[in-house]
Amino acid sequence: MGTHDHRHHHHHHPDPGTESSGRIAQVFFLNAGFALIELIGGLLTNSTAILADAVHDLGDSLALGMAWLLERFSRRHPDRDFTYGYRRLSLFGALINSALLVAGSIWVLALAVPRLADPVMPVTEGMIGLALLGVAVNGVAAWRISAGKTLNERALSWHLMEDVLGWVAVLIVAIVLQFADWPILDPLLSLAFTLFILFNVSRTMWSTIKLFFQAVPDREMLARIERALTELPGIETLHDLHLWSLDGQRHVLTVHIVLRELARGDSYARVKARIGQALAPFELASTTIEIEQRDEDCRDASTAGPTGGSLV
């Protein structure tokens, strides 16, 4: 009687989520440590340009830290308190990050604007040293995060490349100041950095606030969803069509669909299957669909818009 070997050979494949979280954690600690160094360095070298870049790097460090935490939180399942899960925390994190960046930018502007009238020559040797270190640290961080494939990592990679270019600009100005007595270049560069930060932060903050108040994340998508549903056979009208987002990427749809009389041989199951196929390309995180007959009173009629339909 032959014997069978029941031993199983386990091959351990690295978990992509864990790898992503690890990469983001490394880059966060690298960036956060360097942001503190450049804040101190900016004060010691008397350079508002370095302080402005420090605020930029600090903002990126906060974004990295929140991305790292959210990579970990996102793996938590919905529970009785958070039935949609924890994705919406990312919006709260983005708001905190934006508020801190605005506060830091106002501080830099308060330092830089008076210097336009009375520019002070910074310590250029210190600026050059910090700029070289900034290019190296942010370059390594950008290279490290570029190995990742998640949306989080791709967005962070662009942020870090912006930082590298910022430090290249500081390096060029510091070298020019070594040979020319143009101290006004330092506050001018800090103003350019700060206005760039404020422009980007204001856009992010506005879109985040809109999502907090459950604004439509993508008007074009809403119009395409409405078109895809109304073109289905057997569907007369839609109303109470709502599209909102958990975190800017995962969207939720609710809609009431009014049917004509079911065609001969048709069934609710077939209608639902057609609706499912029509919505599949939109990759929605959650859908809630109420199907009503033409002569049926809608129990949510009091919450409908002025026309009782979607406001696209």
Protein backbone atom coordinates (compact mmCIF):
# COMPACT_ATOMS: atom_id res chain seq x y z
CA MET A 1 0.00 0.00 0.00
CA GLY A 2 1.60 3.24 -1.10
CA THR A 3 2.00 6.16 1.21
CA HIS A 4 1.09 9.70 0.28
CA ASP A 5 3.15 12.69 1.29
CA HIS A 6 0.73 15.30 2.63
CA ARG A 7 3.36 17.93 3.39
CA HIS A 8 2.55 21.32 1.88
CA HIS A 9 5.23 23.70 0.66
CA HIS A 10 4.30 27.27 1.59
CA HIS A 11 5.63 30.03 -0.61
CA HIS A 12 5.57 33.39 1.15
CA HIS A 13 4.77 36.19 -1.24
CA PRO A 14 5.16 39.71 0.08
CA ASP A 15 1.87 41.50 0.68
CA PRO A 16 1.72 44.53 -1.70
CA GLY A 17 -0.26 46.52 0.89
CA THR A 18 2.43 45.92 3.54
CA GLU A 19 5.19 46.82 1.07
CA SER A 20 3.41 50.05 0.13
CA SER A 21 2.87 50.97 3.79
CA GLY A 22 6.56 50.25 4.52
CA ARG A 23 7.78 52.44 1.65
CA ILE A 24 5.53 55.33 2.67
CA ALA A 25 6.68 55.00 6.32
CA GLN A 26 10.38 55.17 5.32
CA VAL A 27 9.84 58.23 3.14
CA PHE A 28 7.74 59.90 5.87
CA PHE A 29 10.46 59.59 8.52
CA LEU A 30 13.11 60.74 6.03
CA ASN A 31 11.08 63.78 5.00
CA ALA A 32 9.86 64.73 8.49
CA GLY A 33 13.40 64.60 9.91
CA PHE A 34 14.73 66.74 7.09
CA ALA A 35 11.85 69.27 7.38
CA LEU A 36 12.90 69.93 11.01
CA ILE A 37 16.55 70.31 9.95
CA GLU A 38 15.67 72.85 7.26
CA LEU A 39 13.40 74.85 9.62
CA ILE A 40 16.36 75.27 11.97
CA GLY A 41 18.71 75.84 9.01
CA GLY A 42 16.42 78.51 7.54
CA LEU A 43 16.45 80.42 10.83
CA LEU A 44 20.25 80.07 11.20
CA THR A 45 21.03 81.12 7.60
CA ASN A 46 18.46 83.96 7.77
CA SER A 47 16.92 82.68 4.51
CA THR A 48 13.17 83.08 3.98
CA ALA A 49 13.47 80.95 0.81
CA ILE A 50 14.64 77.98 2.89
CA LEU A 51 11.89 78.62 5.45
CA ALA A 52 9.32 78.65 2.62
CA ASP A 53 10.67 75.35 1.30
CA ALA A 54 10.66 74.00 4.87
CA VAL A 55 6.92 74.75 5.07
CA HIS A 56 6.44 72.98 1.71
CA ASP A 57 8.41 69.94 2.93
CA LEU A 58 6.55 69.94 6.24
CA GLY A 59 3.26 69.85 4.31
CA ASP A 60 4.52 66.92 2.25
CA SER A 61 5.63 65.16 5.45
CA LEU A 62 2.14 65.55 6.89
CA ALA A 63 0.65 64.25 3.64
CA LEU A 64 3.05 61.28 3.78
CA GLY A 65 2.22 60.59 7.43
CA MET A 66 -1.50 60.63 6.77
CA ALA A 67 -1.07 58.50 3.64
CA TRP A 68 0.88 55.97 5.73
CA LEU A 69 -1.77 55.86 8.46
CA LEU A 70 -4.56 55.61 5.88
CA GLU A 71 -2.82 52.74 4.09
CA ARG A 72 -3.05 50.91 7.43
CA PHE A 73 -6.58 52.10 8.33
CA SER A 74 -7.93 51.30 4.87
CA ARG A 75 -7.48 47.57 5.55
CA ARG A 76 -9.90 47.76 8.49
CA HIS A 77 -13.34 46.39 7.74
CA PRO A 78 -16.55 48.39 8.22
CA ASP A 79 -18.09 47.93 11.65
CA ARG A 80 -21.27 48.91 13.50
CA ASP A 81 -19.99 52.44 14.14
CA PHE A 82 -18.48 53.06 10.67
CA THR A 83 -20.68 51.06 8.31
CA TYR A 84 -18.95 52.52 5.23
CA GLY A 85 -15.50 51.81 6.67
CA TYR A 86 -12.77 54.34 7.45
CA ARG A 87 -12.05 55.82 4.00
CA ARG A 88 -13.64 59.16 4.87
CA LEU A 89 -10.89 59.87 7.40
CA SER A 90 -8.65 60.80 4.47
CA LEU A 91 -10.81 63.90 3.84
CA PHE A 92 -10.37 64.96 7.46
CA GLY A 93 -6.61 64.41 7.14
CA ALA A 94 -6.49 66.49 3.95
CA LEU A 95 -8.30 69.36 5.71
CA ILE A 96 -5.87 69.34 8.65
CA ASN A 97 -2.92 69.25 6.26
CA SER A 98 -4.30 72.16 4.24
CA ALA A 99 -4.99 74.27 7.34
CA LEU A 100 -1.42 73.75 8.64
CA LEU A 101 0.08 74.61 5.24
CA VAL A 102 -1.96 77.84 5.06
CA ALA A 103 -0.82 78.82 8.58
CA GLY A 104 2.83 78.08 7.69
CA SER A 105 2.56 80.03 4.43
CA ILE A 106 1.12 83.09 6.22
CA TRP A 107 4.07 82.95 8.66
CA VAL A 108 6.59 82.87 5.78
CA LEU A 109 4.81 85.76 4.01
CA ALA A 110 4.94 87.80 7.25
CA LEU A 111 8.73 87.31 7.25
CA ALA A 112 9.34 87.73 3.51
CA VAL A 113 7.19 90.75 2.56
CA PRO A 114 8.98 93.26 4.85
CA ARG A 115 12.33 92.05 3.43
CA LEU A 116 11.35 93.16 -0.06
CA ALA A 117 11.71 96.77 1.14
CA ASP A 118 14.79 96.05 3.26
CA PRO A 119 16.46 92.84 1.98
CA VAL A 120 18.94 91.04 4.23
CA MET A 121 21.81 88.97 2.77
CA PRO A 122 21.42 85.35 3.93
CA VAL A 123 24.35 83.06 4.84
CA THR A 124 24.90 81.71 1.32
CA GLU A 125 27.33 78.91 2.31
CA GLY A 126 24.71 77.48 4.65
CA MET A 127 22.05 77.84 1.93
CA ILE A 128 24.21 75.87 -0.54
CA GLY A 129 24.83 73.10 2.02
CA LEU A 130 21.13 72.79 2.88
CA ALA A 131 20.13 72.92 -0.79
CA LEU A 132 22.53 70.07 -1.69
CA LEU A 133 21.19 68.06 1.25
CA GLY A 134 17.60 68.89 0.18
CA VAL A 135 18.19 67.67 -3.39
CA ALA A 136 19.77 64.46 -2.05
CA VAL A 137 17.11 63.67 0.61
CA ASN A 138 14.11 64.46 -1.59
CA GLY A 139 15.74 62.70 -4.56
CA VAL A 140 16.22 59.50 -2.51
CA ALA A 141 12.63 59.77 -1.17
CA ALA A 142 11.21 60.27 -4.70
CA TRP A 143 13.23 57.31 -6.03
CA ARG A 144 12.13 55.10 -3.12
CA ILE A 145 8.41 55.92 -3.51
CA SER A 146 8.53 55.61 -7.33
CA ALA A 147 8.89 51.83 -6.88
CA GLY A 148 5.27 51.76 -5.66
CA LYS A 149 2.22 51.25 -7.85
CA THR A 150 -0.61 52.50 -5.61
CA LEU A 151 -2.42 55.78 -6.33
CA ASN A 152 -1.15 57.13 -3.01
CA GLU A 153 2.46 56.42 -3.97
CA ARG A 154 2.15 57.86 -7.47
CA ALA A 155 0.70 61.12 -6.11
CA LEU A 156 3.41 61.33 -3.44
CA SER A 157 6.11 60.71 -6.06
CA TRP A 158 5.05 63.88 -7.92
CA HIS A 159 5.05 65.87 -4.65
CA LEU A 160 8.60 64.79 -3.91
CA MET A 161 9.80 65.63 -7.43
CA GLU A 162 8.39 69.14 -6.90
CA ASP A 163 10.49 69.34 -3.72
CA VAL A 164 13.64 68.34 -5.62
CA LEU A 165 13.01 71.14 -8.16
CA GLY A 166 12.38 73.59 -5.30
CA TRP A 167 15.75 72.77 -3.78
CA VAL A 168 17.45 73.12 -7.17
CA ALA A 169 15.99 76.67 -7.31
CA VAL A 170 17.35 77.43 -3.80
CA LEU A 171 20.77 76.10 -4.86
CA ILE A 172 20.85 78.32 -7.99
CA VAL A 173 19.88 81.44 -5.99
CA ALA A 174 22.48 80.65 -3.30
CA ILE A 175 25.23 80.28 -5.93
CA VAL A 176 24.17 83.57 -7.61
CA LEU A 177 24.27 85.33 -4.20
CA GLN A 178 27.84 84.07 -3.75
CA PHE A 179 28.89 86.28 -6.67
CA ALA A 180 26.29 89.07 -6.74
CA ASP A 181 25.00 91.36 -4.00
CA TRP A 182 21.31 90.82 -4.74
CA PRO A 183 19.80 89.86 -1.36
CA ILE A 184 16.26 90.59 -2.68
CA LEU A 185 16.43 87.26 -4.59
CA ASP A 186 15.92 85.38 -1.30
CA PRO A 187 12.54 86.93 -0.33
CA LEU A 188 11.43 86.87 -4.00
CA LEU A 189 12.09 83.11 -4.17
CA SER A 190 10.27 82.56 -0.86
CA LEU A 191 7.26 84.51 -2.19
CA ALA A 192 7.23 82.36 -5.35
CA PHE A 193 7.32 79.15 -3.26
CA THR A 194 4.66 80.39 -0.84
CA LEU A 195 2.23 81.58 -3.53
CA PHE A 196 2.70 78.23 -5.33
CA ILE A 197 1.84 76.38 -2.08
CA LEU A 198 -1.19 78.59 -1.38
CA PHE A 199 -2.51 78.16 -4.95
CA ASN A 200 -2.33 74.35 -4.72
CA VAL A 201 -3.60 74.20 -1.13
CA SER A 202 -6.60 76.42 -1.88
CA ARG A 203 -7.63 74.12 -4.76
CA THR A 204 -7.24 70.99 -2.59
CA MET A 205 -9.01 72.56 0.37
CA TRP A 206 -12.02 73.67 -1.72
CA SER A 207 -12.45 70.25 -3.35
CA THR A 208 -12.09 68.56 0.09
CA ILE A 209 -14.70 70.84 1.69
CA LYS A 210 -17.10 70.14 -1.20
CA LEU A 211 -16.69 66.38 -0.71
CA PHE A 212 -17.29 66.83 3.05
CA PHE A 213 -20.64 68.40 2.20
CA GLN A 214 -21.40 65.49 -0.14
CA ALA A 215 -21.04 67.45 -3.38
CA VAL A 216 -21.00 65.46 -6.62
CA PRO A 217 -17.35 64.35 -7.05
CA ASP A 218 -17.57 64.24 -10.86
CA ARG A 219 -20.41 66.03 -12.72
CA GLU A 220 -19.52 64.36 -16.01
CA MET A 221 -19.71 60.92 -14.39
CA LEU A 222 -23.13 61.77 -12.93
CA ALA A 223 -24.40 62.80 -16.39
CA ARG A 224 -23.04 59.58 -17.93
CA ILE A 225 -24.67 57.45 -15.19
CA GLU A 226 -28.00 59.19 -15.76
CA ARG A 227 -27.71 58.64 -19.52
CA ALA A 228 -26.72 54.96 -19.12
CA LEU A 229 -29.74 54.26 -16.89
CA THR A 230 -32.38 56.21 -18.84
CA GLU A 231 -31.34 54.49 -22.10
CA LEU A 232 -32.11 51.03 -20.67
CA PRO A 233 -35.24 49.34 -22.05
CA GLY A 234 -38.20 49.40 -19.69
CA ILE A 235 -37.03 52.43 -17.65
CA GLU A 236 -39.29 55.49 -17.79
CA THR A 237 -37.66 58.06 -15.45
CA LEU A 238 -35.15 58.48 -12.63
CA HIS A 239 -35.42 60.62 -9.53
CA ASP A 240 -33.58 61.14 -6.24
CA LEU A 241 -30.31 60.42 -8.08
CA HIS A 242 -27.43 61.12 -5.70
CA LEU A 243 -23.70 60.62 -6.27
CA TRP A 244 -21.25 61.36 -3.47
CA SER A 245 -17.80 60.17 -2.46
CA LEU A 246 -16.27 58.48 0.57
CA ASP A 247 -12.76 59.84 -0.07
CA GLY A 248 -12.60 61.34 -3.58
CA GLN A 249 -11.90 57.95 -5.21
CA ARG A 250 -14.63 55.60 -3.95
CA HIS A 251 -18.07 56.85 -4.96
CA VAL A 252 -21.56 55.99 -3.67
CA LEU A 253 -24.73 56.11 -5.79
CA THR A 254 -28.40 56.05 -4.73
CA VAL A 255 -31.28 56.35 -7.19
CA HIS A 256 -35.01 55.67 -7.61
CA ILE A 257 -35.87 54.10 -10.98
CA VAL A 258 -39.43 54.22 -12.31
CA LEU A 259 -40.33 51.34 -14.65
CA ARG A 260 -42.82 51.22 -17.46
CA GLU A 261 -44.94 48.09 -17.37
CA LEU A 262 -42.72 45.03 -17.50
CA ALA A 263 -42.48 43.63 -21.03
CA ARG A 264 -43.84 40.17 -21.67
CA GLY A 265 -41.43 37.54 -20.40
CA ASP A 266 -39.39 40.20 -18.53
CA SER A 267 -38.79 40.10 -14.78
CA TYR A 268 -37.37 42.21 -11.96
CA ALA A 269 -34.30 39.96 -11.98
CA ARG A 270 -33.61 40.80 -15.64
CA VAL A 271 -34.16 44.53 -15.04
CA LYS A 272 -31.75 44.43 -12.09
CA ALA A 273 -29.17 42.54 -14.18
CA ARG A 274 -29.39 45.20 -16.93
CA ILE A 275 -28.98 47.98 -14.35
CA GLY A 276 -25.96 46.19 -12.88
CA GLN A 277 -24.34 45.87 -16.33
CA ALA A 278 -24.98 49.56 -17.09
CA LEU A 279 -23.34 50.66 -13.82
CA ALA A 280 -20.39 48.22 -13.92
CA PRO A 281 -18.04 50.52 -15.96
CA PHE A 282 -18.28 53.24 -13.28
CA GLU A 283 -16.71 50.99 -10.58
CA LEU A 284 -18.85 52.45 -7.80
CA ALA A 285 -18.00 51.48 -4.22
CA SER A 286 -21.66 51.17 -3.21
CA THR A 287 -25.04 51.44 -4.96
CA THR A 288 -28.56 51.56 -3.52
CA ILE A 289 -31.35 51.33 -6.09
CA GLU A 290 -35.09 51.64 -5.45
CA ILE A 291 -37.28 50.25 -8.27
CA GLU A 292 -40.81 51.70 -8.53
CA GLN A 293 -43.83 51.14 -10.79
CA ARG A 294 -45.22 54.04 -12.84
CA ASP A 295 -48.36 54.44 -10.69
CA GLU A 296 -46.57 53.89 -7.36
CA ASP A 297 -46.18 56.72 -4.85
CA CYS A 298 -42.55 57.32 -3.87
CA ARG A 299 -42.14 57.21 -0.09
CA ASP A 300 -39.24 59.71 -0.37
CA ALA A 301 -41.19 62.23 -2.46
CA SER A 302 -40.70 64.95 0.17
CA THR A 303 -36.89 64.82 -0.26
CA ALA A 304 -36.85 65.11 -4.06
CA GLY A 305 -35.47 68.24 -5.74
CA PRO A 306 -37.66 71.03 -7.22
CA THR A 307 -38.36 68.87 -10.29
CA GLY A 308 -38.49 65.62 -8.33
CA GLY A 309 -35.52 64.44 -10.39
CA SER A 310 -31.76 64.71 -10.65
CA LEU A 311 -30.23 68.18 -10.82
CA VAL A 312 -27.56 67.43 -13.44
